[in-house]
N, C-alpha and C. Protein backbone atom coordinates (compact mmCIF):
# COMPACT_ATOMS: atom_id res chain seq x y z
N UNK A 1 129.06 60.28 126.90
CA UNK A 1 129.98 61.83 126.29
C UNK A 1 130.11 62.47 127.77
N UNK A 2 131.07 63.02 127.96
CA UNK A 2 131.27 64.04 128.88
C UNK A 2 130.51 65.67 129.27
N UNK A 3 130.41 65.96 130.38
CA UNK A 3 129.38 66.96 129.84
C UNK A 3 130.28 68.63 129.34
N UNK A 4 131.22 68.74 129.34
CA UNK A 4 132.15 69.54 128.68
C UNK A 4 131.72 69.08 127.12
N UNK A 5 131.63 68.35 126.20
CA UNK A 5 131.83 67.96 124.70
C UNK A 5 130.21 67.84 124.59
N UNK A 6 129.52 67.56 125.70
CA UNK A 6 128.21 67.79 125.59
C UNK A 6 127.57 68.69 125.40
N UNK A 7 127.82 70.11 126.18
CA UNK A 7 127.49 71.02 126.24
C UNK A 7 128.06 71.90 124.90
N UNK A 8 129.30 71.40 124.41
CA UNK A 8 130.11 72.06 123.37
C UNK A 8 128.89 72.21 121.99
N UNK A 9 128.77 70.40 122.13
CA UNK A 9 128.10 70.17 120.98
C UNK A 9 126.41 71.33 120.98
N UNK A 10 125.60 70.77 122.08
CA UNK A 10 124.51 71.62 122.04
C UNK A 10 125.00 73.41 121.58
N UNK A 11 125.92 74.16 122.46
CA UNK A 11 126.18 75.18 121.52
C UNK A 11 126.82 75.66 120.25
N UNK A 12 127.13 74.63 119.54
CA UNK A 12 127.52 75.12 118.27
C UNK A 12 126.12 74.49 117.29
N UNK A 13 124.81 73.23 118.05
CA UNK A 13 123.41 73.54 117.35
C UNK A 13 123.01 74.64 117.25
N UNK A 14 123.19 75.28 118.66
CA UNK A 14 122.46 76.57 118.39
C UNK A 14 122.93 77.82 118.06
N UNK A 15 124.00 77.73 117.53
CA UNK A 15 124.52 79.21 116.96
C UNK A 15 124.51 78.55 115.68
N UNK A 16 124.28 77.93 114.71
CA UNK A 16 123.86 77.24 113.45
C UNK A 16 123.13 78.53 112.25
N UNK A 17 122.03 78.41 113.04
CA UNK A 17 120.80 78.81 112.46
C UNK A 17 119.94 79.60 113.49
N UNK A 18 120.18 80.77 114.33
CA UNK A 18 119.81 81.36 115.80
C UNK A 18 118.79 81.85 115.06
N UNK A 19 117.69 81.42 115.37
CA UNK A 19 116.02 82.82 114.93
C UNK A 19 116.41 84.11 115.11
N UNK A 20 116.35 84.62 114.73
CA UNK A 20 115.54 86.32 115.53
C UNK A 20 114.83 86.52 116.95
N UNK A 21 113.93 85.26 117.04
CA UNK A 21 112.76 85.35 118.16
C UNK A 21 112.29 84.30 117.87
N UNK A 22 111.41 83.56 119.42
CA UNK A 22 111.55 81.77 119.20
C UNK A 22 109.90 82.06 118.49
N UNK A 23 109.62 81.33 117.60
CA UNK A 23 108.48 81.07 116.58
C UNK A 23 108.89 81.85 115.38
N UNK A 24 109.80 82.53 114.76
CA UNK A 24 110.33 83.22 113.97
C UNK A 24 110.08 81.86 112.42
N UNK A 25 110.24 80.76 112.64
CA UNK A 25 110.12 79.70 111.61
C UNK A 25 108.56 80.00 110.92
N UNK A 26 107.59 80.00 112.17
CA UNK A 26 106.68 79.89 111.47
C UNK A 26 105.68 81.11 111.53
N UNK A 27 106.23 82.41 111.72
CA UNK A 27 105.51 83.33 111.82
C UNK A 27 105.07 83.99 110.54
N UNK A 28 104.26 84.67 109.62
CA UNK A 28 104.14 85.18 108.61
C UNK A 28 105.16 86.42 108.61
N UNK A 29 106.14 86.03 107.79
CA UNK A 29 107.15 86.63 107.42
C UNK A 29 107.11 87.74 106.33
N UNK A 30 107.32 88.95 106.57
CA UNK A 30 107.13 89.66 104.78
C UNK A 30 108.31 90.46 104.46
N UNK A 31 108.74 91.59 104.07
CA UNK A 31 109.77 91.63 103.59
C UNK A 31 109.65 93.35 102.54
N UNK A 32 109.94 94.49 103.08
CA UNK A 32 109.94 95.74 102.49
C UNK A 32 110.91 96.57 102.47
N UNK A 33 111.10 97.32 101.06
CA UNK A 33 112.17 98.07 101.17
C UNK A 33 111.72 99.80 101.28
N UNK A 34 112.99 100.39 102.23
CA UNK A 34 112.36 102.10 102.50
C UNK A 34 113.08 102.58 101.26
N UNK A 35 112.15 103.59 100.23
CA UNK A 35 113.19 103.67 99.09
C UNK A 35 113.26 104.86 99.05
N UNK A 36 114.85 105.67 98.75
CA UNK A 36 115.05 106.62 98.72
C UNK A 36 115.23 106.96 97.31
N UNK A 37 114.84 108.50 96.83
CA UNK A 37 114.44 108.79 95.44
C UNK A 37 115.17 109.88 95.35
N UNK A 38 115.61 110.69 94.49
CA UNK A 38 116.30 112.19 94.26
C UNK A 38 115.21 112.29 93.43
N UNK A 39 115.01 114.03 93.93
CA UNK A 39 113.88 114.61 93.01
C UNK A 39 114.01 115.96 93.13
N UNK A 40 115.08 116.75 92.24
CA UNK A 40 114.96 117.96 91.68
C UNK A 40 116.03 118.46 93.09
N UNK A 41 117.21 117.31 93.34
CA UNK A 41 118.26 117.49 93.85
C UNK A 41 118.21 117.29 95.35
N UNK A 42 116.80 116.79 95.77
CA UNK A 42 116.56 116.68 97.30
C UNK A 42 115.92 115.21 97.36
N UNK A 43 116.67 114.84 98.40
CA UNK A 43 116.35 113.18 98.75
C UNK A 43 114.71 113.38 99.15
N UNK A 44 114.03 112.14 98.68
CA UNK A 44 112.85 111.83 99.31
C UNK A 44 112.46 110.23 99.42
N UNK A 45 111.50 110.21 100.57
CA UNK A 45 110.97 108.93 100.77
C UNK A 45 109.57 108.53 99.90
N UNK A 46 109.65 107.02 99.16
CA UNK A 46 109.15 107.26 98.04
C UNK A 46 107.76 105.99 99.19
N UNK A 47 106.74 106.37 98.72
CA UNK A 47 105.37 105.29 99.10
C UNK A 47 104.41 105.09 97.75
N UNK A 48 103.90 104.22 98.24
CA UNK A 48 102.40 103.98 97.17
C UNK A 48 101.21 103.36 98.29
N UNK A 49 100.76 104.01 97.48
CA UNK A 49 99.08 103.86 97.68
C UNK A 49 98.61 102.54 97.69
N UNK A 50 98.04 101.58 98.01
CA UNK A 50 97.59 100.32 97.89
C UNK A 50 96.31 100.54 96.26
N UNK A 51 95.99 100.11 96.20
CA UNK A 51 95.14 99.74 95.54
C UNK A 51 93.94 99.59 96.18
N UNK A 52 92.73 99.66 95.85
CA UNK A 52 91.46 100.42 96.05
C UNK A 52 90.70 99.08 96.55
N UNK A 53 91.22 97.60 95.31
CA UNK A 53 90.76 96.38 95.23
C UNK A 53 91.49 95.60 96.01
N UNK A 54 92.53 96.00 96.68
CA UNK A 54 92.90 95.02 97.67
C UNK A 54 92.48 94.08 98.79
N UNK A 55 92.80 93.30 99.26
CA UNK A 55 91.95 93.08 100.09
C UNK A 55 92.59 93.36 101.21
N UNK A 56 93.41 93.15 101.48
CA UNK A 56 94.00 93.93 102.68
C UNK A 56 94.62 94.88 102.67
N UNK A 57 94.09 96.00 103.52
CA UNK A 57 94.81 97.93 103.88
C UNK A 57 94.57 98.38 101.97
N UNK A 58 93.48 98.51 101.94
CA UNK A 58 93.35 98.90 100.62
C UNK A 58 93.17 100.48 100.84
N UNK A 59 94.18 101.17 100.07
CA UNK A 59 94.25 102.81 99.92
C UNK A 59 95.48 102.84 101.11
N UNK A 60 95.66 102.42 101.37
CA UNK A 60 97.18 102.38 103.13
C UNK A 60 98.01 102.95 102.18
N UNK A 61 98.55 104.01 103.12
CA UNK A 61 99.92 104.30 102.17
C UNK A 61 101.00 103.38 103.10
N UNK A 62 101.86 103.00 102.08
CA UNK A 62 102.79 101.51 102.38
C UNK A 62 104.29 101.89 101.66
N UNK A 63 105.43 100.85 102.33
CA UNK A 63 106.19 100.60 101.26
C UNK A 63 106.50 99.46 100.75
N UNK A 64 106.99 99.41 99.58
CA UNK A 64 107.14 98.15 98.49
C UNK A 64 107.36 96.98 98.94
N UNK A 65 107.13 96.11 98.85
CA UNK A 65 107.02 94.86 99.31
C UNK A 65 105.83 93.50 99.62
N UNK A 66 106.28 92.62 100.56
CA UNK A 66 105.32 91.53 100.81
C UNK A 66 105.72 90.45 101.70
N UNK A 67 104.75 89.19 100.78
CA UNK A 67 105.26 87.79 101.71
C UNK A 67 106.39 87.10 101.17
N UNK A 68 107.18 87.22 102.14
CA UNK A 68 108.45 86.19 101.88
C UNK A 68 108.08 84.87 101.12
N UNK A 69 108.50 84.28 99.81
CA UNK A 69 107.84 82.70 99.44
C UNK A 69 108.90 81.93 99.95
N UNK A 70 108.56 80.89 99.64
CA UNK A 70 109.29 79.42 100.28
C UNK A 70 110.84 79.75 99.03
N UNK A 71 110.58 80.38 97.71
CA UNK A 71 111.60 80.26 96.50
C UNK A 71 112.18 81.40 96.83
N UNK A 72 112.07 82.32 97.59
CA UNK A 72 112.97 83.26 98.04
C UNK A 72 114.42 83.36 98.52
N UNK A 73 115.41 83.49 98.07
CA UNK A 73 117.05 83.41 98.65
C UNK A 73 116.90 83.66 99.93
N UNK A 74 116.21 85.25 100.58
CA UNK A 74 116.23 85.76 101.55
C UNK A 74 115.12 86.45 101.71
N UNK A 75 115.19 87.18 102.52
CA UNK A 75 114.13 88.51 103.01
C UNK A 75 114.97 89.53 102.08
N UNK A 76 115.95 89.66 101.68
CA UNK A 76 115.93 90.75 100.61
C UNK A 76 115.96 90.60 99.44
N UNK A 77 116.09 89.60 98.88
CA UNK A 77 115.73 88.79 97.63
C UNK A 77 114.23 89.29 97.17
N UNK A 78 113.52 88.88 98.42
CA UNK A 78 112.30 89.19 98.36
C UNK A 78 111.30 90.29 98.32
N UNK A 79 112.03 91.51 99.03
CA UNK A 79 111.86 92.32 99.02
C UNK A 79 112.20 93.52 97.52
N UNK A 80 113.04 93.04 96.93
CA UNK A 80 113.44 93.34 95.75
C UNK A 80 112.29 93.26 94.86
N UNK A 81 112.07 90.98 94.52
CA UNK A 81 111.32 90.83 93.63
C UNK A 81 109.71 91.51 93.77
N UNK A 82 109.37 91.84 95.43
CA UNK A 82 107.98 92.46 95.33
C UNK A 82 107.96 93.54 94.60
N UNK A 83 109.43 94.67 95.11
CA UNK A 83 109.47 96.00 94.28
C UNK A 83 109.00 95.46 92.95
N UNK A 84 109.58 94.98 92.17
CA UNK A 84 109.97 94.69 91.05
C UNK A 84 108.65 94.84 90.45
N UNK A 85 107.65 93.85 90.91
CA UNK A 85 106.56 93.53 90.92
C UNK A 85 105.59 94.39 90.70
N UNK A 86 105.91 95.24 91.90
CA UNK A 86 104.01 96.36 92.63
C UNK A 86 105.04 97.67 91.31
N UNK A 87 106.00 98.09 91.66
CA UNK A 87 106.73 99.31 91.23
C UNK A 87 106.84 99.32 89.78
N UNK A 88 107.49 97.70 89.08
CA UNK A 88 107.82 97.98 88.08
C UNK A 88 109.49 98.26 87.36
N UNK A 89 109.92 98.16 88.36
CA UNK A 89 111.38 98.85 88.67
C UNK A 89 112.42 97.78 88.68
N UNK A 90 113.61 97.40 87.43
CA UNK A 90 114.35 96.86 87.40
C UNK A 90 115.41 96.48 88.53
N UNK A 91 115.71 95.27 89.59
CA UNK A 91 116.22 95.31 89.94
C UNK A 91 117.46 95.82 89.99
N UNK A 92 117.87 96.16 88.95
CA UNK A 92 119.36 96.18 88.78
C UNK A 92 119.46 97.67 89.32
N UNK A 93 117.89 98.04 88.81
CA UNK A 93 118.02 99.91 89.34
C UNK A 93 117.39 100.07 90.85
N UNK A 94 117.94 99.40 91.61
CA UNK A 94 117.94 99.45 92.88
C UNK A 94 118.69 99.45 93.94
N UNK A 95 119.28 99.75 94.64
CA UNK A 95 120.65 99.58 95.45
C UNK A 95 120.78 99.87 97.07
N UNK A 96 121.00 98.54 97.35
CA UNK A 96 120.58 98.04 98.74
C UNK A 96 121.33 99.06 99.60
N UNK A 97 121.07 100.43 100.21
CA UNK A 97 121.87 100.62 101.55
C UNK A 97 122.61 99.89 102.68
N UNK A 98 121.21 99.20 103.59
CA UNK A 98 121.11 98.98 104.33
C UNK A 98 120.26 98.25 104.96
N UNK A 99 119.88 96.93 105.45
CA UNK A 99 119.13 96.36 106.78
C UNK A 99 118.86 97.00 107.74
N UNK A 100 117.62 97.14 108.06
CA UNK A 100 116.86 98.03 109.40
C UNK A 100 116.66 96.43 109.96
N UNK A 101 116.84 96.85 111.33
CA UNK A 101 115.79 95.57 112.44
C UNK A 101 115.21 95.45 111.97
N UNK A 102 114.74 94.14 112.24
CA UNK A 102 113.43 93.43 111.82
C UNK A 102 112.15 94.49 112.90
N UNK A 103 111.02 94.35 112.19
CA UNK A 103 109.97 94.92 112.68
C UNK A 103 109.26 93.62 113.40
N UNK A 104 109.21 93.15 114.77
CA UNK A 104 108.10 92.02 115.09
C UNK A 104 106.74 93.13 115.58
N UNK A 105 105.71 93.25 114.34
CA UNK A 105 104.50 93.09 115.05
C UNK A 105 103.51 92.57 115.67
N UNK A 106 104.20 91.26 116.24
CA UNK A 106 103.39 89.95 116.68
C UNK A 106 104.29 88.76 116.78
N UNK A 107 104.14 87.96 117.58
CA UNK A 107 104.79 86.73 117.70
C UNK A 107 104.73 86.03 116.20
N UNK A 108 103.44 86.27 115.59
CA UNK A 108 103.37 85.59 114.53
C UNK A 108 103.19 86.38 113.09
N UNK A 109 104.24 87.82 113.46
CA UNK A 109 104.33 88.76 112.43
C UNK A 109 105.15 89.33 112.07
N UNK A 110 106.30 89.64 111.41
CA UNK A 110 107.75 90.13 111.37
C UNK A 110 108.03 90.27 109.93
N UNK A 111 108.28 91.56 110.12
CA UNK A 111 108.62 92.13 108.59
C UNK A 111 110.15 92.60 108.86
N UNK A 112 110.81 92.71 107.30
CA UNK A 112 112.39 92.81 107.73
C UNK A 112 112.58 93.78 106.72
N UNK A 113 112.82 95.20 106.70
CA UNK A 113 113.08 96.29 105.97
C UNK A 113 114.39 95.95 105.89
N UNK A 114 114.27 97.12 104.57
CA UNK A 114 115.65 97.41 103.76
C UNK A 114 115.40 98.85 102.94
N UNK A 115 116.83 99.70 104.02
CA UNK A 115 117.01 100.86 103.14
C UNK A 115 117.55 100.76 101.75
N UNK A 116 117.12 101.30 100.07
CA UNK A 116 117.22 101.34 99.06
C UNK A 116 117.24 102.83 98.25
N UNK A 117 118.42 102.66 97.61
CA UNK A 117 117.76 103.70 96.27
C UNK A 117 117.11 103.52 95.40
N UNK A 118 116.50 104.12 94.95
CA UNK A 118 115.62 103.43 93.12
C UNK A 118 116.12 104.90 92.63
N UNK A 119 117.14 104.61 91.04
CA UNK A 119 117.00 105.36 90.45
C UNK A 119 116.42 104.71 89.05
N UNK A 120 115.50 104.65 88.99
CA UNK A 120 114.48 104.74 87.63
C UNK A 120 113.25 106.28 87.79
N UNK A 121 113.47 106.86 86.91
CA UNK A 121 112.69 107.64 86.59
C UNK A 121 110.90 107.09 86.18
N UNK A 122 110.99 106.23 85.75
CA UNK A 122 109.86 105.21 85.64
C UNK A 122 109.54 104.98 87.12
N UNK A 123 109.52 104.92 87.60
CA UNK A 123 108.76 104.34 89.18
C UNK A 123 107.46 105.42 89.38
N UNK A 124 107.10 106.38 89.09
CA UNK A 124 106.13 106.98 89.07
C UNK A 124 104.81 107.06 87.88
N UNK A 125 105.16 106.08 87.16
CA UNK A 125 104.37 105.64 86.06
C UNK A 125 104.48 104.14 85.69
N UNK A 126 105.27 103.06 86.00
CA UNK A 126 105.60 101.77 85.63
C UNK A 126 104.67 100.71 87.02
N UNK A 127 104.38 101.32 87.42
CA UNK A 127 103.67 100.80 88.64
C UNK A 127 102.69 99.84 88.59
N UNK A 128 102.34 98.88 89.00
CA UNK A 128 101.43 97.34 88.85
C UNK A 128 100.18 98.45 89.49
N UNK A 129 99.17 98.73 88.25
CA UNK A 129 97.88 99.01 89.04
C UNK A 129 96.92 97.85 89.52
N UNK A 130 97.14 96.96 89.24
CA UNK A 130 96.33 95.87 90.30
C UNK A 130 96.53 96.22 91.83
N UNK A 131 97.72 96.09 92.08
CA UNK A 131 98.17 96.80 93.45
C UNK A 131 98.40 97.65 94.27
N UNK A 132 98.68 99.13 92.96
CA UNK A 132 98.73 99.68 93.85
C UNK A 132 98.16 101.74 93.10
N UNK A 133 97.70 102.15 93.85
CA UNK A 133 96.88 103.19 93.16
C UNK A 133 97.66 104.03 92.47
N UNK A 134 98.44 104.49 93.51
CA UNK A 134 99.54 105.73 93.18
C UNK A 134 100.80 105.50 93.84
N UNK A 135 101.65 106.27 93.37
CA UNK A 135 102.96 106.70 94.15
C UNK A 135 103.25 107.56 94.25
N UNK A 136 103.96 108.10 95.45
CA UNK A 136 103.86 109.85 95.90
C UNK A 136 105.24 109.58 96.54
N UNK A 137 105.89 110.41 97.40
CA UNK A 137 107.13 110.63 97.42
C UNK A 137 106.92 111.82 98.72
N UNK A 138 107.70 111.87 100.37
CA UNK A 138 107.47 112.69 101.02
C UNK A 138 109.10 113.05 101.22
N UNK A 139 109.02 114.64 101.14
CA UNK A 139 110.50 115.34 101.34
C UNK A 139 111.37 114.15 102.51
N UNK A 140 112.50 114.11 102.51
CA UNK A 140 113.45 113.17 103.92
C UNK A 140 113.75 114.82 104.73
N UNK A 141 113.78 115.44 104.24
CA UNK A 141 113.96 117.12 105.41
C UNK A 141 113.11 117.14 105.73
N UNK A 142 111.65 117.31 105.62
CA UNK A 142 110.37 117.46 106.24
C UNK A 142 110.30 116.16 107.70
N UNK A 143 110.19 115.48 106.87
CA UNK A 143 110.12 113.85 108.07
C UNK A 143 110.98 114.00 108.89
N UNK A 144 112.41 114.41 108.72
CA UNK A 144 113.25 114.49 109.99
C UNK A 144 113.23 115.62 110.76
N UNK A 145 112.09 116.54 110.15
CA UNK A 145 111.54 117.74 111.04
C UNK A 145 110.54 117.75 111.54
N UNK A 146 109.73 116.63 111.27
CA UNK A 146 108.52 116.21 111.68
C UNK A 146 108.27 115.60 113.17
N UNK A 147 107.15 116.02 113.84
CA UNK A 147 106.68 114.85 115.10
C UNK A 147 105.55 114.28 114.91
N UNK A 148 105.87 112.83 114.61
CA UNK A 148 104.11 112.34 114.28
C UNK A 148 103.31 112.60 116.01
N UNK A 149 102.23 112.30 114.97
CA UNK A 149 101.54 112.09 116.61
C UNK A 149 101.10 110.64 116.63
N UNK A 150 101.12 110.04 118.25
CA UNK A 150 100.60 109.08 118.64
C UNK A 150 99.44 108.79 119.35
N UNK A 151 98.52 107.82 118.92
CA UNK A 151 97.42 107.40 119.90
C UNK A 151 97.56 105.92 120.32
N UNK A 152 97.15 105.59 121.13
CA UNK A 152 97.15 104.30 121.66
C UNK A 152 96.18 103.46 121.52
N UNK A 153 95.90 101.84 121.03
CA UNK A 153 95.25 101.07 120.94
C UNK A 153 95.43 100.08 121.56
N UNK A 154 93.99 99.56 122.61
CA UNK A 154 94.01 98.65 123.73
C UNK A 154 93.82 97.21 122.94
N UNK A 155 95.05 95.76 122.98
CA UNK A 155 94.81 95.11 122.40
C UNK A 155 94.96 93.90 123.53
N UNK A 156 93.57 93.01 123.91
CA UNK A 156 93.30 92.47 124.36
C UNK A 156 92.65 91.05 123.69
N UNK A 157 93.70 89.76 124.66
CA UNK A 157 93.35 88.38 123.57
C UNK A 157 91.86 87.93 124.19
N UNK A 158 91.86 87.26 122.98
CA UNK A 158 90.02 86.91 122.84
C UNK A 158 90.58 85.14 122.67
N UNK A 159 90.73 84.13 123.64
CA UNK A 159 90.63 82.51 123.73
C UNK A 159 89.16 82.60 122.38
N UNK A 160 89.95 81.22 121.60
CA UNK A 160 89.31 80.61 120.49
C UNK A 160 87.93 79.51 121.15
N UNK A 161 86.87 79.06 120.84
CA UNK A 161 85.99 78.78 121.31
C UNK A 161 86.31 77.36 122.15
N UNK A 162 87.64 76.50 121.44
CA UNK A 162 88.01 75.51 122.08
C UNK A 162 88.93 75.89 123.19
N UNK A 163 89.40 76.88 123.61
CA UNK A 163 90.08 77.12 124.47
C UNK A 163 90.35 75.89 125.32
N UNK A 164 91.29 75.23 126.16
CA UNK A 164 91.00 74.13 127.37
C UNK A 164 91.24 75.34 128.24
N UNK A 165 90.12 75.85 128.63
CA UNK A 165 90.12 76.39 130.30
C UNK A 165 90.61 75.76 131.26
N UNK A 166 90.20 74.34 130.94
CA UNK A 166 90.33 74.05 132.68
C UNK A 166 91.59 73.46 132.68
N UNK A 167 92.46 73.75 131.99
CA UNK A 167 93.87 73.25 131.96
C UNK A 167 94.94 74.21 132.51
N UNK A 168 94.27 75.39 133.16
CA UNK A 168 94.61 76.47 133.64
C UNK A 168 94.09 76.99 134.96
N UNK A 169 94.80 77.84 135.56
CA UNK A 169 94.60 78.09 136.84
C UNK A 169 93.71 79.42 136.67
N UNK A 170 92.53 79.31 137.25
CA UNK A 170 91.24 80.01 137.33
C UNK A 170 90.33 79.97 135.93
N UNK A 171 90.86 78.93 135.39
CA UNK A 171 89.64 78.51 133.99
C UNK A 171 89.24 79.74 133.43
N UNK A 172 87.95 79.62 133.04
CA UNK A 172 87.42 81.14 132.38
C UNK A 172 87.37 82.46 133.13
N UNK A 173 88.08 82.19 134.49
CA UNK A 173 88.11 83.61 134.99
C UNK A 173 88.98 83.94 135.35
N UNK A 174 89.92 83.15 134.15
CA UNK A 174 91.65 83.78 133.99
C UNK A 174 91.37 85.05 133.35
N UNK A 175 92.51 86.31 133.90
CA UNK A 175 92.48 87.57 133.71
C UNK A 175 93.80 87.68 133.01
N UNK A 176 92.94 88.07 131.59
CA UNK A 176 93.93 87.83 130.34
C UNK A 176 94.48 89.59 130.46
N UNK A 177 96.18 89.90 130.27
CA UNK A 177 96.57 91.10 130.42
C UNK A 177 96.08 91.73 128.84
N UNK A 178 95.99 93.67 129.55
CA UNK A 178 95.66 94.25 128.08
C UNK A 178 96.90 94.96 127.60
N UNK A 179 97.25 94.67 126.83
CA UNK A 179 98.80 95.35 125.87
C UNK A 179 97.97 96.80 125.04
N UNK A 180 98.72 97.69 125.36
CA UNK A 180 98.82 98.97 124.30
C UNK A 180 99.55 98.88 123.42
N UNK A 181 98.79 99.64 122.40
CA UNK A 181 99.68 99.47 121.14
C UNK A 181 99.82 100.75 120.68
N UNK A 182 101.27 101.48 120.37
CA UNK A 182 101.43 102.64 119.82
C UNK A 182 101.29 102.54 118.08
N UNK A 183 100.30 103.51 117.64
CA UNK A 183 100.36 103.65 116.26
C UNK A 183 100.81 105.17 115.96
N UNK A 184 101.51 105.43 115.09
CA UNK A 184 102.51 106.43 114.96
C UNK A 184 101.32 107.32 113.72
N UNK A 185 101.51 108.67 113.61
CA UNK A 185 100.54 109.36 112.52
C UNK A 185 101.73 109.92 111.50
N UNK A 186 101.73 109.91 110.77
CA UNK A 186 102.74 111.10 109.71
C UNK A 186 101.59 111.93 109.10
N UNK A 187 101.49 113.01 108.47
CA UNK A 187 100.46 113.43 107.75
C UNK A 187 101.23 114.23 107.36
N UNK A 188 100.91 114.36 106.15
CA UNK A 188 102.12 115.64 104.98
C UNK A 188 100.66 116.19 104.01
N UNK A 189 100.59 117.32 104.02
CA UNK A 189 99.38 117.83 102.79
C UNK A 189 98.51 116.39 102.80
N UNK A 190 98.00 116.21 101.93
CA UNK A 190 96.72 115.48 101.74
C UNK A 190 96.92 113.87 102.29
N UNK A 191 97.94 113.19 102.72
CA UNK A 191 99.06 111.86 102.92
C UNK A 191 98.94 111.68 104.19
N UNK A 192 98.29 110.18 104.64
CA UNK A 192 99.11 110.13 105.93
C UNK A 192 99.46 108.45 105.52
N UNK A 193 100.22 108.49 106.72
CA UNK A 193 101.37 107.27 106.52
C UNK A 193 101.30 106.77 108.37
N UNK A 194 100.79 105.64 108.27
CA UNK A 194 100.52 104.96 109.77
C UNK A 194 100.73 103.31 109.75
N UNK A 195 100.09 102.77 110.98
CA UNK A 195 100.80 101.52 111.16
C UNK A 195 102.07 101.10 110.85
N UNK A 196 102.31 99.81 110.70
CA UNK A 196 103.47 99.23 110.40
C UNK A 196 104.81 100.24 109.43
N UNK A 197 104.27 100.70 108.66
CA UNK A 197 104.74 101.55 107.89
C UNK A 197 105.48 103.01 108.54
N UNK A 198 104.49 103.39 109.24
CA UNK A 198 104.74 104.49 110.07
C UNK A 198 106.08 103.91 111.34
N UNK A 199 105.72 102.77 111.51
CA UNK A 199 106.78 101.83 112.74
C UNK A 199 107.99 101.97 112.12
N UNK A 200 108.34 101.94 110.90
CA UNK A 200 109.67 101.16 110.59
C UNK A 200 109.98 102.41 110.14
N UNK A 201 109.13 103.69 109.44
CA UNK A 201 109.66 105.11 109.33
C UNK A 201 110.56 105.81 110.29
N UNK A 202 109.47 105.80 111.34
CA UNK A 202 109.98 106.23 112.27
C UNK A 202 111.25 105.67 113.03
N UNK A 203 111.44 104.39 113.00
CA UNK A 203 112.30 103.87 113.04
C UNK A 203 113.55 104.41 112.50
N UNK A 204 113.54 104.36 111.13
CA UNK A 204 114.59 104.30 110.02
C UNK A 204 115.25 106.20 110.46
N UNK A 205 113.88 106.97 110.47
CA UNK A 205 114.34 108.54 111.23
C UNK A 205 114.77 108.23 112.01
N UNK A 206 115.36 107.85 112.94
CA UNK A 206 115.75 107.84 114.01
C UNK A 206 116.98 107.45 114.18
N UNK A 207 117.42 106.61 113.22
CA UNK A 207 118.70 106.04 113.07
C UNK A 207 119.42 106.74 112.31
N UNK A 208 119.03 107.88 111.34
CA UNK A 208 119.90 108.63 110.14
C UNK A 208 119.87 110.28 111.14
N UNK A 209 119.25 110.29 112.21
CA UNK A 209 118.73 112.08 112.80
C UNK A 209 120.24 111.96 113.64
């Protein structure tokens, strides 16, 4: 096989299913929606407060969504399924506007967000009480004018007990780098939005300003 043909075959293989990033196939993958709803003639973004009985992030404000299952046809299908399960909204009443850039929280965790419009007045009462404590909205106009606060969190790797220090230079004295993580906070009345939800929200607002 000639060099040109060999490289052409390699190129075709790489173009078939290019991953978003190295490790995407084995990362924890989830999908969420950024829901736009109309209230009193004005656009709002809808959030849900996670049930206090939830194992992860109980009581936090979040977008509807969750883990992408093997049976989901796509990240968007997963986002719509999870929204239906959490909010009790028929998928037919969810209009997908556009996909946002995925949020790569770490090499082992990625979130695929989708901007949608929900046209269902029952969204405020039909939610799944086992997963959602309550549903609330924040006016889009207010969010576009608000400047969130930023706080830094230092992240330092902690190798496990079986880490093979003998295989790396400087062994146990290896200098691990500390990475600073930005955490954004939106505070509307008594509501606080932070974490990955705030990261996705901030990106969305920057895109439409």
